[in-house]
Structure formats: structure tokens, C-alpha cells
Amino acid sequence: MTASGGQDAIARAHALGVLAAAAVGDRLVVRAHHGSGARDALGVLVARTDDAVTIDTRRGPVDVALADVVAAKPVPPPPVPRRPAR
């Protein structure tokens, strides 16, 4: 195993631990393999099964297979919108 392969395995294990510990309603960002690249899902965890999580993003729900997860972490709530200047 290469050094980066070991780091990738550690990051993936950490990500799966974050997802296992997260509660429905927690805000997360999850990066997963998608085609030849990766995609991020930023939003609220709305469902979890043994094989996948569903993240409710601004564009709608995104199902992410746990087998494809590369990284995950909790994120703070979005900032409160500012009032327009008068």
C-alpha cells in the first residue's frame, strides 16, 4: 500500500465514523466518488441505511452510497442572511 493509499484509507475510515455518529438533522458535507471524479453533498442528513445516506441539499435530496464515500465532516449552520442596506 502506498503512503497516499494509507492516508486515503484513514480519511475514509474517519468519514464513515463521522457518518455513523451523525444524527438525522445534523448538517454535513460528504465527498463521494462520482464517475471519474468526486462530488460534494452539503446539507442536512435526512436518512441513513446500512448502505447509504441521504443529504438534503439546496438542490434537493442526494443519496450517497457509503461504498463511494471519500470524506465527511460536520459543518456549522449557514450564515443568517444580511438585511439589505438602506
PDB file of N, CA and C in Angstrom:
ATOM      1  N   MET A   1       0.859  -1.180   0.000  1.00  0.00           N
ATOM      2  CA  MET A   1       0.000   0.000   0.000  1.00  0.00           C
ATOM      3  C   MET A   1       0.899   1.236   0.000  1.00  0.00           C
ATOM      4  N   THR A   2       0.560   2.205  -0.834  1.00  0.00           N
ATOM      5  CA  THR A   2       1.352   3.430  -0.890  1.00  0.00           C
ATOM      6  C   THR A   2       1.008   4.327   0.288  1.00  0.00           C
ATOM      7  N   ALA A   3       1.867   5.314   0.511  1.00  0.00           N
ATOM      8  CA  ALA A   3       1.614   6.246   1.618  1.00  0.00           C
ATOM      9  C   ALA A   3       0.295   6.961   1.415  1.00  0.00           C
ATOM     10  N   SER A   4       0.026   7.398   0.163  1.00  0.00           N
ATOM     11  CA  SER A   4      -1.245   8.106  -0.065  1.00  0.00           C
ATOM     12  C   SER A   4      -2.415   7.147   0.050  1.00  0.00           C
ATOM     13  N   GLY A   5      -2.210   5.880  -0.321  1.00  0.00           N
ATOM     14  CA  GLY A   5      -3.275   4.885  -0.163  1.00  0.00           C
ATOM     15  C   GLY A   5      -3.623   4.670   1.298  1.00  0.00           C
ATOM     16  N   GLY A   6      -2.600   4.706   2.161  1.00  0.00           N
ATOM     17  CA  GLY A   6      -2.839   4.586   3.597  1.00  0.00           C
ATOM     18  C   GLY A   6      -3.580   5.793   4.141  1.00  0.00           C
ATOM     19  N   GLN A   7      -3.200   6.978   3.678  1.00  0.00           N
ATOM     20  CA  GLN A   7      -3.883   8.206   4.096  1.00  0.00           C
ATOM     21  C   GLN A   7      -5.331   8.199   3.610  1.00  0.00           C
ATOM     22  N   ASP A   8      -5.556   7.723   2.379  1.00  0.00           N
ATOM     23  CA  ASP A   8      -6.917   7.646   1.840  1.00  0.00           C
ATOM     24  C   ASP A   8      -7.784   6.709   2.684  1.00  0.00           C
ATOM     25  N   ALA A   9      -7.205   5.586   3.094  1.00  0.00           N
ATOM     26  CA  ALA A   9      -7.936   4.627   3.917  1.00  0.00           C
ATOM     27  C   ALA A   9      -8.279   5.227   5.278  1.00  0.00           C
ATOM     28  N   ILE A  10      -7.339   5.984   5.838  1.00  0.00           N
ATOM     29  CA  ILE A  10      -7.586   6.629   7.133  1.00  0.00           C
ATOM     30  C   ILE A  10      -8.686   7.678   6.999  1.00  0.00           C
ATOM     31  N   ALA A  11      -8.620   8.486   5.935  1.00  0.00           N
ATOM     32  CA  ALA A  11      -9.643   9.517   5.707  1.00  0.00           C
ATOM     33  C   ALA A  11     -11.013   8.883   5.507  1.00  0.00           C
ATOM     34  N   ARG A  12     -11.072   7.793   4.761  1.00  0.00           N
ATOM     35  CA  ARG A  12     -12.348   7.111   4.519  1.00  0.00           C
ATOM     36  C   ARG A  12     -12.911   6.527   5.813  1.00  0.00           C
ATOM     37  N   ALA A  13     -12.049   5.914   6.618  1.00  0.00           N
ATOM     38  CA  ALA A  13     -12.497   5.358   7.900  1.00  0.00           C
ATOM     39  C   ALA A  13     -13.025   6.470   8.801  1.00  0.00           C
ATOM     40  N   HIS A  14     -12.333   7.609   8.813  1.00  0.00           N
ATOM     41  CA  HIS A  14     -12.795   8.751   9.602  1.00  0.00           C
ATOM     42  C   HIS A  14     -14.159   9.223   9.097  1.00  0.00           C
ATOM     43  N   ALA A  15     -14.307   9.333   7.777  1.00  0.00           N
ATOM     44  CA  ALA A  15     -15.566   9.790   7.185  1.00  0.00           C
ATOM     45  C   ALA A  15     -16.718   8.855   7.549  1.00  0.00           C
ATOM     46  N   LEU A  16     -16.483   7.562   7.471  1.00  0.00           N
ATOM     47  CA  LEU A  16     -17.542   6.613   7.815  1.00  0.00           C
ATOM     48  C   LEU A  16     -17.882   6.698   9.298  1.00  0.00           C
ATOM     49  N   GLY A  17     -16.893   6.982  10.139  1.00  0.00           N
ATOM     50  CA  GLY A  17     -17.155   7.188  11.565  1.00  0.00           C
ATOM     51  C   GLY A  17     -17.994   8.430  11.807  1.00  0.00           C
ATOM     52  N   VAL A  18     -17.696   9.512  11.074  1.00  0.00           N
ATOM     53  CA  VAL A  18     -18.484  10.747  11.185  1.00  0.00           C
ATOM     54  C   VAL A  18     -19.933  10.466  10.800  1.00  0.00           C
ATOM     55  N   LEU A  19     -20.121   9.742   9.710  1.00  0.00           N
ATOM     56  CA  LEU A  19     -21.488   9.452   9.259  1.00  0.00           C
ATOM     57  C   LEU A  19     -22.221   8.534  10.238  1.00  0.00           C
ATOM     58  N   ALA A  20     -21.523   7.590  10.829  1.00  0.00           N
ATOM     59  CA  ALA A  20     -22.155   6.687  11.802  1.00  0.00           C
ATOM     60  C   ALA A  20     -22.570   7.434  13.064  1.00  0.00           C
ATOM     61  N   ALA A  21     -21.778   8.433  13.452  1.00  0.00           N
ATOM     62  CA  ALA A  21     -22.066   9.184  14.673  1.00  0.00           C
ATOM     63  C   ALA A  21     -23.074  10.315  14.466  1.00  0.00           C
ATOM     64  N   ALA A  22     -23.266  10.727  13.223  1.00  0.00           N
ATOM     65  CA  ALA A  22     -24.164  11.859  12.943  1.00  0.00           C
ATOM     66  C   ALA A  22     -25.618  11.465  13.187  1.00  0.00           C
ATOM     67  N   ALA A  23     -26.376  12.429  13.661  1.00  0.00           N
ATOM     68  CA  ALA A  23     -27.809  12.231  13.883  1.00  0.00           C
ATOM     69  C   ALA A  23     -28.582  12.837  12.721  1.00  0.00           C
ATOM     70  N   VAL A  24     -29.724  12.258  12.435  1.00  0.00           N
ATOM     71  CA  VAL A  24     -30.614  12.862  11.444  1.00  0.00           C
ATOM     72  C   VAL A  24     -30.871  14.299  11.899  1.00  0.00           C
ATOM     73  N   GLY A  25     -30.704  15.237  10.971  1.00  0.00           N
ATOM     74  CA  GLY A  25     -30.857  16.645  11.295  1.00  0.00           C
ATOM     75  C   GLY A  25     -29.528  17.378  11.389  1.00  0.00           C
ATOM     76  N   ASP A  26     -28.423  16.626  11.492  1.00  0.00           N
ATOM     77  CA  ASP A  26     -27.093  17.251  11.517  1.00  0.00           C
ATOM     78  C   ASP A  26     -26.743  17.757  10.122  1.00  0.00           C
ATOM     79  N   ARG A  27     -25.998  18.853  10.072  1.00  0.00           N
ATOM     80  CA  ARG A  27     -25.540  19.424   8.801  1.00  0.00           C
ATOM     81  C   ARG A  27     -24.139  18.895   8.526  1.00  0.00           C
ATOM     82  N   LEU A  28     -23.952  18.345   7.316  1.00  0.00           N
ATOM     83  CA  LEU A  28     -22.704  17.684   6.948  1.00  0.00           C
ATOM     84  C   LEU A  28     -22.300  18.050   5.529  1.00  0.00           C
ATOM     85  N   VAL A  29     -21.032  17.830   5.230  1.00  0.00           N
ATOM     86  CA  VAL A  29     -20.588  17.786   3.848  1.00  0.00           C
ATOM     87  C   VAL A  29     -19.991  16.398   3.648  1.00  0.00           C
ATOM     88  N   VAL A  30     -20.402  15.758   2.548  1.00  0.00           N
ATOM     89  CA  VAL A  30     -19.944  14.406   2.235  1.00  0.00           C
ATOM     90  C   VAL A  30     -19.357  14.427   0.823  1.00  0.00           C
ATOM     91  N   ARG A  31     -18.126  13.961   0.690  1.00  0.00           N
ATOM     92  CA  ARG A  31     -17.495  13.840  -0.631  1.00  0.00           C
ATOM     93  C   ARG A  31     -17.502  12.362  -1.007  1.00  0.00           C
ATOM     94  N   ALA A  32     -17.916  12.090  -2.254  1.00  0.00           N
ATOM     95  CA  ALA A  32     -18.001  10.711  -2.717  1.00  0.00           C
ATOM     96  C   ALA A  32     -17.526  10.610  -4.159  1.00  0.00           C
ATOM     97  N   HIS A  33     -17.013   9.423  -4.506  1.00  0.00           N
ATOM     98  CA  HIS A  33     -16.642   9.156  -5.892  1.00  0.00           C
ATOM     99  C   HIS A  33     -17.875   9.338  -6.761  1.00  0.00           C
ATOM    100  N   HIS A  34     -17.674   9.947  -7.937  1.00  0.00           N
ATOM    101  CA  HIS A  34     -18.776  10.148  -8.880  1.00  0.00           C
ATOM    102  C   HIS A  34     -18.161  10.119 -10.273  1.00  0.00           C
ATOM    103  N   GLY A  35     -18.419   9.042 -11.004  1.00  0.00           N
ATOM    104  CA  GLY A  35     -17.788   8.897 -12.311  1.00  0.00           C
ATOM    105  C   GLY A  35     -16.279   8.834 -12.148  1.00  0.00           C
ATOM    106  N   SER A  36     -15.559   9.643 -12.923  1.00  0.00           N
ATOM    107  CA  SER A  36     -14.103   9.637 -12.829  1.00  0.00           C
ATOM    108  C   SER A  36     -13.591  10.673 -11.822  1.00  0.00           C
ATOM    109  N   GLY A  37     -14.519  11.362 -11.145  1.00  0.00           N
ATOM    110  CA  GLY A  37     -14.125  12.378 -10.170  1.00  0.00           C
ATOM    111  C   GLY A  37     -14.827  12.170  -8.847  1.00  0.00           C
ATOM    112  N   ALA A  38     -15.162  13.281  -8.226  1.00  0.00           N
ATOM    113  CA  ALA A  38     -15.871  13.249  -6.946  1.00  0.00           C
ATOM    114  C   ALA A  38     -16.887  14.373  -6.923  1.00  0.00           C
ATOM    115  N   ARG A  39     -17.876  14.228  -6.064  1.00  0.00           N
ATOM    116  CA  ARG A  39     -18.838  15.316  -5.872  1.00  0.00           C
ATOM    117  C   ARG A  39     -19.102  15.468  -4.394  1.00  0.00           C
ATOM    118  N   ASP A  40     -19.462  16.695  -4.017  1.00  0.00           N
ATOM    119  CA  ASP A  40     -19.772  17.009  -2.623  1.00  0.00           C
ATOM    120  C   ASP A  40     -21.269  17.184  -2.462  1.00  0.00           C
ATOM    121  N   ALA A  41     -21.776  16.728  -1.334  1.00  0.00           N
ATOM    122  CA  ALA A  41     -23.167  16.971  -0.949  1.00  0.00           C
ATOM    123  C   ALA A  41     -23.120  17.715   0.381  1.00  0.00           C
ATOM    124  N   LEU A  42     -23.584  18.955   0.384  1.00  0.00           N
ATOM    125  CA  LEU A  42     -23.603  19.798   1.581  1.00  0.00           C
ATOM    126  C   LEU A  42     -25.050  20.028   1.964  1.00  0.00           C
ATOM    127  N   GLY A  43     -25.399  19.605   3.160  1.00  0.00           N
ATOM    128  CA  GLY A  43     -26.771  19.799   3.612  1.00  0.00           C
ATOM    129  C   GLY A  43     -27.041  19.026   4.891  1.00  0.00           C
ATOM    130  N   VAL A  44     -28.312  18.737   5.087  1.00  0.00           N
ATOM    131  CA  VAL A  44     -28.783  18.098   6.315  1.00  0.00           C
ATOM    132  C   VAL A  44     -28.985  16.606   6.087  1.00  0.00           C
ATOM    133  N   LEU A  45     -28.467  15.806   7.003  1.00  0.00           N
ATOM    134  CA  LEU A  45     -28.679  14.361   6.951  1.00  0.00           C
ATOM    135  C   LEU A  45     -30.155  14.083   7.229  1.00  0.00           C
ATOM    136  N   VAL A  46     -30.831  13.457   6.254  1.00  0.00           N
ATOM    137  CA  VAL A  46     -32.258  13.180   6.437  1.00  0.00           C
ATOM    138  C   VAL A  46     -32.571  11.690   6.537  1.00  0.00           C
ATOM    139  N   ALA A  47     -31.626  10.839   6.104  1.00  0.00           N
ATOM    140  CA  ALA A  47     -31.861   9.398   6.203  1.00  0.00           C
ATOM    141  C   ALA A  47     -30.537   8.658   6.151  1.00  0.00           C
ATOM    142  N   ARG A  48     -30.528   7.468   6.765  1.00  0.00           N
ATOM    143  CA  ARG A  48     -29.345   6.615   6.751  1.00  0.00           C
ATOM    144  C   ARG A  48     -29.814   5.175   6.702  1.00  0.00           C
ATOM    145  N   THR A  49     -29.180   4.384   5.847  1.00  0.00           N
ATOM    146  CA  THR A  49     -29.402   2.944   5.806  1.00  0.00           C
ATOM    147  C   THR A  49     -28.049   2.274   6.025  1.00  0.00           C
ATOM    148  N   ASP A  50     -28.013   0.960   5.948  1.00  0.00           N
ATOM    149  CA  ASP A  50     -26.746   0.248   6.086  1.00  0.00           C
ATOM    150  C   ASP A  50     -25.803   0.545   4.919  1.00  0.00           C
ATOM    151  N   ASP A  51     -26.366   0.982   3.771  1.00  0.00           N
ATOM    152  CA  ASP A  51     -25.565   1.157   2.558  1.00  0.00           C
ATOM    153  C   ASP A  51     -25.429   2.590   2.070  1.00  0.00           C
ATOM    154  N   ALA A  52     -26.232   3.519   2.592  1.00  0.00           N
ATOM    155  CA  ALA A  52     -26.246   4.876   2.028  1.00  0.00           C
ATOM    156  C   ALA A  52     -26.730   5.893   3.048  1.00  0.00           C
ATOM    157  N   VAL A  53     -26.453   7.158   2.732  1.00  0.00           N
ATOM    158  CA  VAL A  53     -27.023   8.283   3.479  1.00  0.00           C
ATOM    159  C   VAL A  53     -27.721   9.182   2.465  1.00  0.00           C
ATOM    160  N   THR A  54     -28.704   9.933   2.942  1.00  0.00           N
ATOM    161  CA  THR A  54     -29.376  10.920   2.104  1.00  0.00           C
ATOM    162  C   THR A  54     -29.149  12.276   2.733  1.00  0.00           C
ATOM    163  N   ILE A  55     -28.603  13.188   1.921  1.00  0.00           N
ATOM    164  CA  ILE A  55     -28.318  14.551   2.346  1.00  0.00           C
ATOM    165  C   ILE A  55     -29.274  15.472   1.607  1.00  0.00           C
ATOM    166  N   ASP A  56     -30.019  16.289   2.355  1.00  0.00           N
ATOM    167  CA  ASP A  56     -30.934  17.255   1.747  1.00  0.00           C
ATOM    168  C   ASP A  56     -30.140  18.522   1.450  1.00  0.00           C
ATOM    169  N   THR A  57     -29.835  18.752   0.176  1.00  0.00           N
ATOM    170  CA  THR A  57     -29.049  19.900  -0.256  1.00  0.00           C
ATOM    171  C   THR A  57     -29.980  20.989  -0.774  1.00  0.00           C
ATOM    172  N   ARG A  58     -29.408  22.138  -1.136  1.00  0.00           N
ATOM    173  CA  ARG A  58     -30.223  23.220  -1.705  1.00  0.00           C
ATOM    174  C   ARG A  58     -30.888  22.791  -3.006  1.00  0.00           C
ATOM    175  N   ARG A  59     -30.300  21.837  -3.687  1.00  0.00           N
ATOM    176  CA  ARG A  59     -30.852  21.361  -4.968  1.00  0.00           C
ATOM    177  C   ARG A  59     -31.745  20.141  -4.798  1.00  0.00           C
ATOM    178  N   GLY A  60     -31.965  19.727  -3.562  1.00  0.00           N
ATOM    179  CA  GLY A  60     -32.806  18.567  -3.312  1.00  0.00           C
ATOM    180  C   GLY A  60     -32.013  17.441  -2.684  1.00  0.00           C
ATOM    181  N   PRO A  61     -32.686  16.333  -2.373  1.00  0.00           N
ATOM    182  CA  PRO A  61     -32.026  15.221  -1.700  1.00  0.00           C
ATOM    183  C   PRO A  61     -31.009  14.521  -2.608  1.00  0.00           C
ATOM    184  N   VAL A  62     -29.884  14.136  -2.013  1.00  0.00           N
ATOM    185  CA  VAL A  62     -28.832  13.411  -2.723  1.00  0.00           C
ATOM    186  C   VAL A  62     -28.553  12.138  -1.944  1.00  0.00           C
ATOM    187  N   ASP A  63     -28.679  10.996  -2.606  1.00  0.00           N
ATOM    188  CA  ASP A  63     -28.338   9.712  -1.998  1.00  0.00           C
ATOM    189  C   ASP A  63     -26.859   9.439  -2.258  1.00  0.00           C
ATOM    190  N   VAL A  64     -26.138   9.100  -1.207  1.00  0.00           N
ATOM    191  CA  VAL A  64     -24.702   8.828  -1.313  1.00  0.00           C
ATOM    192  C   VAL A  64     -24.450   7.415  -0.793  1.00  0.00           C
ATOM    193  N   ALA A  65     -23.940   6.554  -1.672  1.00  0.00           N
ATOM    194  CA  ALA A  65     -23.598   5.192  -1.267  1.00  0.00           C
ATOM    195  C   ALA A  65     -22.380   5.237  -0.356  1.00  0.00           C
ATOM    196  N   LEU A  66     -22.438   4.540   0.764  1.00  0.00           N
ATOM    197  CA  LEU A  66     -21.313   4.528   1.694  1.00  0.00           C
ATOM    198  C   LEU A  66     -20.058   3.952   1.040  1.00  0.00           C
ATOM    199  N   ALA A  67     -20.226   3.054   0.081  1.00  0.00           N
ATOM    200  CA  ALA A  67     -19.077   2.478  -0.619  1.00  0.00           C
ATOM    201  C   ALA A  67     -18.317   3.532  -1.416  1.00  0.00           C
ATOM    202  N   ASP A  68     -18.978   4.640  -1.767  1.00  0.00           N
ATOM    203  CA  ASP A  68     -18.359   5.698  -2.569  1.00  0.00           C
ATOM    204  C   ASP A  68     -17.794   6.843  -1.734  1.00  0.00           C
ATOM    205  N   VAL A  69     -18.041   6.838  -0.419  1.00  0.00           N
ATOM    206  CA  VAL A  69     -17.637   7.962   0.433  1.00  0.00           C
ATOM    207  C   VAL A  69     -16.117   8.058   0.520  1.00  0.00           C
ATOM    208  N   VAL A  70     -15.613   9.280   0.326  1.00  0.00           N
ATOM    209  CA  VAL A  70     -14.192   9.575   0.421  1.00  0.00           C
ATOM    210  C   VAL A  70     -13.904  10.364   1.706  1.00  0.00           C
ATOM    211  N   ALA A  71     -14.796  11.326   2.025  1.00  0.00           N
ATOM    212  CA  ALA A  71     -14.604  12.181   3.192  1.00  0.00           C
ATOM    213  C   ALA A  71     -15.955  12.685   3.666  1.00  0.00           C
ATOM    214  N   ALA A  72     -16.028  13.051   4.937  1.00  0.00           N
ATOM    215  CA  ALA A  72     -17.247  13.639   5.500  1.00  0.00           C
ATOM    216  C   ALA A  72     -16.873  14.398   6.761  1.00  0.00           C
ATOM    217  N   LYS A  73     -17.589  15.490   6.992  1.00  0.00           N
ATOM    218  CA  LYS A  73     -17.372  16.228   8.235  1.00  0.00           C
ATOM    219  C   LYS A  73     -18.612  17.043   8.555  1.00  0.00           C
ATOM    220  N   PRO A  74     -18.831  17.298   9.838  1.00  0.00           N
ATOM    221  CA  PRO A  74     -19.922  18.182  10.232  1.00  0.00           C
ATOM    222  C   PRO A  74     -19.574  19.615   9.842  1.00  0.00           C
ATOM    223  N   VAL A  75     -20.582  20.399   9.533  1.00  0.00           N
ATOM    224  CA  VAL A  75     -20.372  21.819   9.211  1.00  0.00           C
ATOM    225  C   VAL A  75     -21.370  22.651  10.006  1.00  0.00           C
ATOM    226  N   PRO A  76     -21.014  23.901  10.291  1.00  0.00           N
ATOM    227  CA  PRO A  76     -21.925  24.763  11.050  1.00  0.00           C
ATOM    228  C   PRO A  76     -23.121  25.170  10.205  1.00  0.00           C
ATOM    229  N   PRO A  77     -24.158  25.689  10.850  1.00  0.00           N
ATOM    230  CA  PRO A  77     -25.322  26.160  10.100  1.00  0.00           C
ATOM    231  C   PRO A  77     -24.917  27.273   9.138  1.00  0.00           C
ATOM    232  N   PRO A  78     -25.701  27.463   8.069  1.00  0.00           N
ATOM    233  CA  PRO A  78     -25.378  28.550   7.145  1.00  0.00           C
ATOM    234  C   PRO A  78     -25.521  29.899   7.847  1.00  0.00           C
ATOM    235  N   PRO A  79     -24.806  30.908   7.364  1.00  0.00           N
ATOM    236  CA  PRO A  79     -24.922  32.223   7.988  1.00  0.00           C
ATOM    237  C   PRO A  79     -26.327  32.801   7.794  1.00  0.00           C
ATOM    238  N   VAL A  80     -26.734  33.614   8.739  1.00  0.00           N
ATOM    239  CA  VAL A  80     -28.031  34.283   8.646  1.00  0.00           C
ATOM    240  C   VAL A  80     -27.938  35.324   7.536  1.00  0.00           C
ATOM    241  N   PRO A  81     -28.933  35.370   6.624  1.00  0.00           N
ATOM    242  CA  PRO A  81     -28.872  36.360   5.561  1.00  0.00           C
ATOM    243  C   PRO A  81     -28.839  37.786   6.133  1.00  0.00           C
ATOM    244  N   ARG A  82     -28.069  38.632   5.484  1.00  0.00           N
ATOM    245  CA  ARG A  82     -27.958  40.023   5.930  1.00  0.00           C
ATOM    246  C   ARG A  82     -29.144  40.803   5.392  1.00  0.00           C
ATOM    247  N   ARG A  83     -29.549  41.788   6.177  1.00  0.00           N
ATOM    248  CA  ARG A  83     -30.625  42.684   5.711  1.00  0.00           C
ATOM    249  C   ARG A  83     -30.045  43.606   4.655  1.00  0.00           C
ATOM    250  N   PRO A  84     -30.827  43.959   3.658  1.00  0.00           N
ATOM    251  CA  PRO A  84     -30.317  44.874   2.646  1.00  0.00           C
ATOM    252  C   PRO A  84     -30.023  46.258   3.262  1.00  0.00           C
ATOM    253  N   ALA A  85     -28.996  46.900   2.732  1.00  0.00           N
ATOM    254  CA  ALA A  85     -28.625  48.240   3.190  1.00  0.00           C
ATOM    255  C   ALA A  85     -29.694  49.230   2.748  1.00  0.00           C
ATOM    256  N   ARG A  86     -29.934  50.227   3.556  1.00  0.00           N
ATOM    257  CA  ARG A  86     -30.954  51.235   3.210  1.00  0.00           C
ATOM    258  C   ARG A  86     -30.327  52.465   2.680  1.00  0.00           C
TER     259      ARG A  86
END
